[in-house]
Amino acid sequence: MEMTLQLTIDCSDPQRMVAFWAAALGYVPEPAPEGHPTWRAYWEAMGVPAEKLPPGAGDLAESIVDPTGRGPRVWFQQVPEPKTVKNRWHFDLKVGGGRDVPLAVRRERVDATVERLVDAGATVLRIKDEPDAGFYAAAMRDPEGNEFDVV
């Protein structure tokens, strides 16, 4: 039996999250299935009742996919309640290259990614700079407050 992996993230604004996380992960918005102009049209064709589809749901992509086909699909599920506590999972965006790369180079790569993601709507929580341990990373929040690290 084949299994695929999808990461589902509850949020209030799926399109905002699609734009941010597509940019952050190098993913692309997932196109609607062939023969359907939008996901909403697809869901309606599949028999999903209109009352189950909030206004605007599926008019634009609410999921992102890895264009190489290697990473999991990420679906941003619209929910009515806001995020209220610290998330128990987080992305580590590993851009530094690992311990074989000099710390100064890793720091430059992390800082460049942090700057790009701040421009895309993220905020910096703190910089973890531990040169004695050979470690440099940034703890950040996405546009809806979910935490992630750039390492």
N, C-alpha and C. Protein backbone atom coordinates (compact mmCIF):
# COMPACT_ATOMS: atom_id res chain seq x y z
N MET A 1 0.84 -1.18 0.00
CA MET A 1 0.00 0.00 0.00
C MET A 1 0.89 1.24 0.00
N GLU A 2 0.63 2.15 -0.94
CA GLU A 2 1.40 3.38 -1.03
C GLU A 2 0.88 4.40 -0.03
N MET A 3 1.80 5.16 0.55
CA MET A 3 1.41 6.23 1.46
C MET A 3 2.09 7.51 1.00
N THR A 4 1.37 8.60 1.04
CA THR A 4 1.95 9.91 0.80
C THR A 4 1.78 10.75 2.05
N LEU A 5 2.56 11.79 2.14
CA LEU A 5 2.54 12.64 3.32
C LEU A 5 2.04 14.02 2.94
N GLN A 6 1.11 14.54 3.73
CA GLN A 6 0.63 15.91 3.59
C GLN A 6 0.74 16.57 4.95
N LEU A 7 1.23 17.77 4.99
CA LEU A 7 1.26 18.57 6.20
C LEU A 7 0.10 19.54 6.13
N THR A 8 -0.79 19.51 7.12
CA THR A 8 -1.95 20.41 7.16
C THR A 8 -1.72 21.44 8.25
N ILE A 9 -1.86 22.70 7.89
CA ILE A 9 -1.64 23.79 8.83
C ILE A 9 -2.94 24.59 8.94
N ASP A 10 -3.51 24.63 10.14
CA ASP A 10 -4.70 25.44 10.38
C ASP A 10 -4.32 26.92 10.33
N CYS A 11 -5.18 27.72 9.71
CA CYS A 11 -4.87 29.14 9.59
C CYS A 11 -6.16 29.92 9.32
N SER A 12 -6.05 31.24 9.36
CA SER A 12 -7.23 32.06 9.07
C SER A 12 -7.22 32.58 7.64
N ASP A 13 -6.04 32.67 7.01
CA ASP A 13 -5.94 33.25 5.67
C ASP A 13 -5.07 32.34 4.79
N PRO A 14 -5.67 31.32 4.18
CA PRO A 14 -4.89 30.37 3.38
C PRO A 14 -4.06 31.02 2.27
N GLN A 15 -4.60 31.98 1.57
CA GLN A 15 -3.85 32.56 0.45
C GLN A 15 -2.60 33.30 0.93
N ARG A 16 -2.71 33.97 2.05
CA ARG A 16 -1.53 34.65 2.62
C ARG A 16 -0.47 33.63 3.00
N MET A 17 -0.90 32.52 3.59
CA MET A 17 0.04 31.48 4.00
C MET A 17 0.64 30.78 2.78
N VAL A 18 -0.15 30.55 1.73
CA VAL A 18 0.37 29.96 0.49
C VAL A 18 1.48 30.84 -0.06
N ALA A 19 1.24 32.14 -0.14
CA ALA A 19 2.24 33.06 -0.69
C ALA A 19 3.52 33.03 0.14
N PHE A 20 3.37 33.09 1.47
CA PHE A 20 4.55 33.13 2.33
C PHE A 20 5.33 31.82 2.27
N TRP A 21 4.65 30.69 2.50
CA TRP A 21 5.37 29.42 2.58
C TRP A 21 5.86 28.92 1.23
N ALA A 22 5.21 29.29 0.14
CA ALA A 22 5.75 28.96 -1.18
C ALA A 22 7.10 29.65 -1.35
N ALA A 23 7.16 30.93 -0.97
CA ALA A 23 8.42 31.66 -1.05
C ALA A 23 9.47 31.10 -0.09
N ALA A 24 9.05 30.77 1.12
CA ALA A 24 9.99 30.28 2.13
C ALA A 24 10.58 28.92 1.76
N LEU A 25 9.76 28.04 1.20
CA LEU A 25 10.19 26.66 0.94
C LEU A 25 10.61 26.40 -0.51
N GLY A 26 10.40 27.38 -1.38
CA GLY A 26 10.69 27.15 -2.80
C GLY A 26 9.64 26.25 -3.44
N TYR A 27 8.44 26.24 -2.88
CA TYR A 27 7.32 25.47 -3.40
C TYR A 27 6.52 26.35 -4.36
N VAL A 28 5.50 25.76 -4.96
CA VAL A 28 4.60 26.50 -5.85
C VAL A 28 3.16 26.24 -5.42
N PRO A 29 2.26 27.21 -5.66
CA PRO A 29 0.84 26.94 -5.38
C PRO A 29 0.39 25.74 -6.22
N GLU A 30 -0.39 24.85 -5.59
CA GLU A 30 -0.84 23.65 -6.29
C GLU A 30 -1.98 24.00 -7.24
N PRO A 31 -1.82 23.67 -8.52
CA PRO A 31 -2.90 23.96 -9.46
C PRO A 31 -4.10 23.04 -9.21
N ALA A 32 -5.27 23.51 -9.60
CA ALA A 32 -6.48 22.69 -9.49
C ALA A 32 -6.33 21.46 -10.39
N PRO A 33 -7.01 20.37 -10.06
CA PRO A 33 -6.94 19.18 -10.90
C PRO A 33 -7.34 19.48 -12.35
N GLU A 34 -6.74 18.74 -13.26
CA GLU A 34 -6.98 18.94 -14.68
C GLU A 34 -8.48 18.96 -15.00
N GLY A 35 -8.85 19.90 -15.84
CA GLY A 35 -10.25 20.02 -16.25
C GLY A 35 -11.08 20.93 -15.36
N HIS A 36 -10.45 21.51 -14.34
CA HIS A 36 -11.17 22.39 -13.41
C HIS A 36 -10.41 23.70 -13.28
N PRO A 37 -11.08 24.84 -13.46
CA PRO A 37 -10.39 26.12 -13.40
C PRO A 37 -9.91 26.49 -11.98
N THR A 38 -10.60 25.99 -10.96
CA THR A 38 -10.23 26.29 -9.57
C THR A 38 -10.47 25.05 -8.71
N TRP A 39 -9.91 25.08 -7.50
CA TRP A 39 -10.20 23.99 -6.55
C TRP A 39 -11.68 23.99 -6.18
N ARG A 40 -12.27 25.18 -6.06
CA ARG A 40 -13.69 25.26 -5.73
C ARG A 40 -14.53 24.54 -6.78
N ALA A 41 -14.21 24.77 -8.05
CA ALA A 41 -14.93 24.09 -9.13
C ALA A 41 -14.75 22.57 -9.03
N TYR A 42 -13.56 22.15 -8.68
CA TYR A 42 -13.29 20.72 -8.51
C TYR A 42 -14.14 20.15 -7.37
N TRP A 43 -14.11 20.85 -6.21
CA TRP A 43 -14.87 20.36 -5.06
C TRP A 43 -16.36 20.30 -5.36
N GLU A 44 -16.87 21.34 -6.05
CA GLU A 44 -18.29 21.34 -6.41
C GLU A 44 -18.61 20.18 -7.35
N ALA A 45 -17.71 19.90 -8.30
CA ALA A 45 -17.91 18.77 -9.22
C ALA A 45 -17.87 17.43 -8.48
N MET A 46 -17.15 17.39 -7.36
CA MET A 46 -17.06 16.17 -6.55
C MET A 46 -18.26 16.02 -5.62
N GLY A 47 -19.14 17.04 -5.58
CA GLY A 47 -20.35 16.95 -4.78
C GLY A 47 -20.26 17.59 -3.41
N VAL A 48 -19.22 18.37 -3.14
CA VAL A 48 -19.13 19.05 -1.84
C VAL A 48 -20.24 20.11 -1.80
N PRO A 49 -21.10 20.05 -0.77
CA PRO A 49 -22.20 21.02 -0.69
C PRO A 49 -21.69 22.45 -0.54
N ALA A 50 -22.36 23.38 -1.16
CA ALA A 50 -21.96 24.79 -1.13
C ALA A 50 -21.83 25.31 0.30
N GLU A 51 -22.70 24.85 1.21
CA GLU A 51 -22.64 25.33 2.60
C GLU A 51 -21.37 24.88 3.33
N LYS A 52 -20.66 23.90 2.78
CA LYS A 52 -19.39 23.44 3.37
C LYS A 52 -18.20 24.24 2.86
N LEU A 53 -18.44 25.11 1.87
CA LEU A 53 -17.37 25.90 1.28
C LEU A 53 -17.53 27.37 1.67
N PRO A 54 -16.67 27.87 2.57
CA PRO A 54 -16.77 29.28 2.95
C PRO A 54 -16.57 30.19 1.74
N PRO A 55 -17.05 31.42 1.81
CA PRO A 55 -16.84 32.35 0.70
C PRO A 55 -15.35 32.43 0.34
N GLY A 56 -15.05 32.29 -0.92
CA GLY A 56 -13.67 32.38 -1.40
C GLY A 56 -12.88 31.09 -1.33
N ALA A 57 -13.38 30.08 -0.60
CA ALA A 57 -12.63 28.83 -0.46
C ALA A 57 -12.42 28.19 -1.82
N GLY A 58 -11.18 27.90 -2.14
CA GLY A 58 -10.86 27.22 -3.37
C GLY A 58 -10.81 28.09 -4.61
N ASP A 59 -11.12 29.38 -4.46
CA ASP A 59 -11.03 30.27 -5.61
C ASP A 59 -9.57 30.46 -6.02
N LEU A 60 -8.68 30.47 -5.03
CA LEU A 60 -7.24 30.50 -5.25
C LEU A 60 -6.65 29.29 -4.54
N ALA A 61 -5.44 28.91 -4.91
CA ALA A 61 -4.79 27.73 -4.31
C ALA A 61 -4.69 27.87 -2.79
N GLU A 62 -4.98 26.78 -2.09
CA GLU A 62 -4.86 26.74 -0.63
C GLU A 62 -3.82 25.70 -0.20
N SER A 63 -3.06 25.22 -1.17
CA SER A 63 -2.01 24.25 -0.89
C SER A 63 -0.81 24.56 -1.77
N ILE A 64 0.35 24.07 -1.32
CA ILE A 64 1.58 24.24 -2.09
C ILE A 64 2.23 22.88 -2.26
N VAL A 65 3.00 22.75 -3.33
CA VAL A 65 3.70 21.50 -3.62
C VAL A 65 5.14 21.80 -4.00
N ASP A 66 5.98 20.81 -3.76
CA ASP A 66 7.38 20.87 -4.14
C ASP A 66 7.48 20.65 -5.65
N PRO A 67 8.01 21.61 -6.41
CA PRO A 67 8.05 21.42 -7.86
C PRO A 67 8.92 20.25 -8.29
N THR A 68 9.80 19.77 -7.40
CA THR A 68 10.64 18.61 -7.74
C THR A 68 9.92 17.30 -7.42
N GLY A 69 8.80 17.40 -6.68
CA GLY A 69 8.06 16.20 -6.32
C GLY A 69 8.63 15.45 -5.12
N ARG A 70 9.66 15.96 -4.48
CA ARG A 70 10.28 15.25 -3.35
C ARG A 70 9.62 15.54 -2.01
N GLY A 71 9.23 16.80 -1.78
CA GLY A 71 8.70 17.17 -0.48
C GLY A 71 7.20 16.94 -0.37
N PRO A 72 6.68 17.00 0.84
CA PRO A 72 5.24 16.77 1.03
C PRO A 72 4.40 17.95 0.56
N ARG A 73 3.16 17.66 0.24
CA ARG A 73 2.17 18.69 -0.05
C ARG A 73 1.86 19.38 1.28
N VAL A 74 1.65 20.69 1.25
CA VAL A 74 1.29 21.45 2.44
C VAL A 74 -0.06 22.12 2.15
N TRP A 75 -1.05 21.79 2.98
CA TRP A 75 -2.39 22.35 2.82
C TRP A 75 -2.67 23.31 3.96
N PHE A 76 -3.11 24.52 3.64
CA PHE A 76 -3.45 25.53 4.62
C PHE A 76 -4.97 25.54 4.77
N GLN A 77 -5.42 24.91 5.84
CA GLN A 77 -6.84 24.70 6.09
C GLN A 77 -7.41 25.88 6.87
N GLN A 78 -8.38 26.55 6.28
CA GLN A 78 -8.99 27.69 6.96
C GLN A 78 -9.84 27.21 8.13
N VAL A 79 -9.58 27.78 9.30
CA VAL A 79 -10.36 27.47 10.51
C VAL A 79 -10.80 28.78 11.13
N PRO A 80 -11.92 28.76 11.89
CA PRO A 80 -12.43 30.02 12.45
C PRO A 80 -11.66 30.52 13.67
N GLU A 81 -11.00 29.63 14.41
CA GLU A 81 -10.35 30.06 15.64
C GLU A 81 -8.90 30.48 15.37
N PRO A 82 -8.41 31.49 16.11
CA PRO A 82 -7.02 31.95 15.94
C PRO A 82 -6.05 31.03 16.67
N LYS A 83 -4.77 31.14 16.29
CA LYS A 83 -3.72 30.43 17.01
C LYS A 83 -3.65 31.02 18.42
N THR A 84 -3.60 30.15 19.43
CA THR A 84 -3.61 30.67 20.80
C THR A 84 -2.40 30.26 21.63
N VAL A 85 -1.69 29.22 21.24
CA VAL A 85 -0.53 28.76 22.01
C VAL A 85 0.63 28.47 21.07
N LYS A 86 1.80 28.23 21.67
CA LYS A 86 2.99 27.89 20.90
C LYS A 86 2.75 26.60 20.13
N ASN A 87 3.15 26.61 18.85
CA ASN A 87 2.99 25.37 18.08
C ASN A 87 3.98 24.31 18.56
N ARG A 88 3.56 23.04 18.45
CA ARG A 88 4.37 21.92 18.91
C ARG A 88 5.23 21.32 17.81
N TRP A 89 5.14 21.83 16.61
CA TRP A 89 5.99 21.42 15.51
C TRP A 89 6.55 22.70 14.90
N HIS A 90 7.62 22.58 14.17
CA HIS A 90 8.08 23.74 13.41
C HIS A 90 8.99 23.29 12.28
N PHE A 91 9.07 24.13 11.27
CA PHE A 91 9.99 23.90 10.16
C PHE A 91 11.38 24.36 10.60
N ASP A 92 12.40 23.62 10.19
CA ASP A 92 13.78 24.08 10.22
C ASP A 92 14.17 24.27 8.77
N LEU A 93 14.37 25.51 8.36
CA LEU A 93 14.82 25.78 7.00
C LEU A 93 16.35 25.74 7.02
N LYS A 94 16.90 24.64 6.55
CA LYS A 94 18.35 24.41 6.61
C LYS A 94 19.01 25.00 5.38
N VAL A 95 19.44 26.24 5.51
CA VAL A 95 20.04 26.96 4.38
C VAL A 95 21.54 27.14 4.54
N GLY A 96 22.07 26.90 5.74
CA GLY A 96 23.47 27.17 6.03
C GLY A 96 24.45 26.22 5.37
N GLY A 97 24.05 24.98 5.14
CA GLY A 97 24.94 24.02 4.51
C GLY A 97 25.55 23.00 5.46
N GLY A 98 25.28 23.12 6.75
CA GLY A 98 25.77 22.12 7.70
C GLY A 98 27.14 22.46 8.27
N ARG A 99 27.58 21.65 9.19
CA ARG A 99 28.80 21.92 9.96
C ARG A 99 30.08 21.88 9.11
N ASP A 100 30.02 21.32 7.92
CA ASP A 100 31.21 21.31 7.06
C ASP A 100 31.46 22.66 6.41
N VAL A 101 30.47 23.55 6.47
CA VAL A 101 30.58 24.90 5.90
C VAL A 101 31.06 25.84 7.02
N PRO A 102 32.04 26.71 6.74
CA PRO A 102 32.51 27.63 7.77
C PRO A 102 31.35 28.45 8.37
N LEU A 103 31.45 28.71 9.68
CA LEU A 103 30.40 29.42 10.40
C LEU A 103 30.10 30.77 9.76
N ALA A 104 31.12 31.50 9.31
CA ALA A 104 30.89 32.81 8.70
C ALA A 104 30.01 32.69 7.45
N VAL A 105 30.20 31.65 6.67
CA VAL A 105 29.41 31.44 5.46
C VAL A 105 27.98 31.06 5.84
N ARG A 106 27.85 30.19 6.84
CA ARG A 106 26.50 29.81 7.30
C ARG A 106 25.76 31.03 7.81
N ARG A 107 26.45 31.88 8.55
CA ARG A 107 25.82 33.10 9.09
C ARG A 107 25.32 33.98 7.94
N GLU A 108 26.11 34.17 6.91
CA GLU A 108 25.70 34.97 5.75
C GLU A 108 24.46 34.37 5.08
N ARG A 109 24.44 33.06 4.92
CA ARG A 109 23.30 32.39 4.27
C ARG A 109 22.03 32.52 5.12
N VAL A 110 22.18 32.33 6.42
CA VAL A 110 21.02 32.46 7.32
C VAL A 110 20.51 33.90 7.29
N ASP A 111 21.41 34.86 7.41
CA ASP A 111 20.99 36.27 7.42
C ASP A 111 20.30 36.66 6.12
N ALA A 112 20.79 36.18 4.99
CA ALA A 112 20.17 36.50 3.70
C ALA A 112 18.75 35.92 3.63
N THR A 113 18.59 34.70 4.12
CA THR A 113 17.26 34.07 4.11
C THR A 113 16.33 34.79 5.08
N VAL A 114 16.83 35.15 6.25
CA VAL A 114 16.02 35.89 7.23
C VAL A 114 15.53 37.20 6.61
N GLU A 115 16.41 37.92 5.95
CA GLU A 115 16.03 39.20 5.33
C GLU A 115 14.93 38.97 4.28
N ARG A 116 15.09 37.95 3.46
CA ARG A 116 14.09 37.66 2.42
C ARG A 116 12.74 37.32 3.03
N LEU A 117 12.76 36.54 4.13
CA LEU A 117 11.50 36.12 4.75
C LEU A 117 10.84 37.25 5.53
N VAL A 118 11.62 38.14 6.10
CA VAL A 118 11.04 39.33 6.75
C VAL A 118 10.34 40.16 5.69
N ASP A 119 10.96 40.32 4.52
CA ASP A 119 10.32 41.05 3.42
C ASP A 119 9.02 40.38 2.98
N ALA A 120 8.94 39.04 3.16
CA ALA A 120 7.74 38.29 2.77
C ALA A 120 6.67 38.26 3.86
N GLY A 121 6.97 38.80 5.06
CA GLY A 121 5.96 38.88 6.10
C GLY A 121 6.30 38.21 7.41
N ALA A 122 7.48 37.60 7.53
CA ALA A 122 7.88 36.95 8.78
C ALA A 122 8.43 37.98 9.77
N THR A 123 8.53 37.58 11.03
CA THR A 123 9.17 38.40 12.04
C THR A 123 10.25 37.57 12.73
N VAL A 124 11.28 38.25 13.18
CA VAL A 124 12.38 37.59 13.89
C VAL A 124 12.05 37.58 15.37
N LEU A 125 12.10 36.40 15.97
CA LEU A 125 11.93 36.28 17.43
C LEU A 125 13.25 36.51 18.14
N ARG A 126 14.28 35.81 17.66
CA ARG A 126 15.62 35.94 18.26
C ARG A 126 16.64 35.32 17.33
N ILE A 127 17.87 35.79 17.46
CA ILE A 127 19.01 35.21 16.75
C ILE A 127 19.75 34.35 17.76
N LYS A 128 20.04 33.12 17.38
CA LYS A 128 20.78 32.19 18.23
C LYS A 128 22.22 32.16 17.73
N ASP A 129 23.08 32.95 18.34
CA ASP A 129 24.46 33.10 17.91
C ASP A 129 25.37 32.51 18.99
N GLU A 130 25.89 31.32 18.73
CA GLU A 130 26.74 30.62 19.69
C GLU A 130 28.04 30.20 18.98
N PRO A 131 28.95 31.18 18.76
CA PRO A 131 30.16 30.87 18.00
C PRO A 131 31.03 29.79 18.65
N ASP A 132 31.06 29.73 19.99
CA ASP A 132 31.86 28.70 20.65
C ASP A 132 31.35 27.30 20.34
N ALA A 133 30.06 27.19 20.07
CA ALA A 133 29.46 25.89 19.71
C ALA A 133 29.36 25.72 18.20
N GLY A 134 29.80 26.73 17.45
CA GLY A 134 29.72 26.66 15.99
C GLY A 134 28.29 26.69 15.49
N PHE A 135 27.42 27.45 16.19
CA PHE A 135 25.99 27.44 15.86
C PHE A 135 25.50 28.84 15.60
N TYR A 136 24.69 28.99 14.54
CA TYR A 136 24.04 30.26 14.23
C TYR A 136 22.70 29.95 13.58
N ALA A 137 21.64 30.55 14.10
CA ALA A 137 20.30 30.32 13.56
C ALA A 137 19.40 31.49 13.96
N ALA A 138 18.25 31.55 13.33
CA ALA A 138 17.25 32.56 13.66
C ALA A 138 15.93 31.87 13.96
N ALA A 139 15.32 32.24 15.07
CA ALA A 139 13.96 31.79 15.39
C ALA A 139 13.02 32.87 14.86
N MET A 140 11.99 32.44 14.09
CA MET A 140 11.11 33.39 13.42
C MET A 140 9.66 32.98 13.58
N ARG A 141 8.77 33.89 13.16
CA ARG A 141 7.33 33.60 13.10
C ARG A 141 6.83 33.92 11.69
N ASP A 142 5.94 33.05 11.18
CA ASP A 142 5.33 33.31 9.87
C ASP A 142 4.23 34.37 10.05
N PRO A 143 3.54 34.77 8.98
CA PRO A 143 2.54 35.84 9.10
C PRO A 143 1.40 35.56 10.08
N GLU A 144 1.16 34.29 10.44
CA GLU A 144 0.09 33.99 11.41
C GLU A 144 0.63 33.59 12.77
N GLY A 145 1.93 33.77 12.99
CA GLY A 145 2.50 33.53 14.31
C GLY A 145 3.10 32.15 14.54
N ASN A 146 3.09 31.27 13.54
CA ASN A 146 3.71 29.95 13.70
C ASN A 146 5.22 30.10 13.70
N GLU A 147 5.86 29.43 14.63
CA GLU A 147 7.31 29.56 14.77
C GLU A 147 8.04 28.59 13.84
N PHE A 148 9.21 29.04 13.38
CA PHE A 148 10.10 28.21 12.59
C PHE A 148 11.52 28.73 12.76
N ASP A 149 12.49 27.92 12.37
CA ASP A 149 13.90 28.30 12.49
C ASP A 149 14.56 28.33 11.13
N VAL A 150 15.50 29.23 10.99
CA VAL A 150 16.38 29.28 9.81
C VAL A 150 17.76 28.93 10.34
N VAL A 151 18.31 27.84 9.84
CA VAL A 151 19.57 27.31 10.37
C VAL A 151 20.61 27.25 9.25
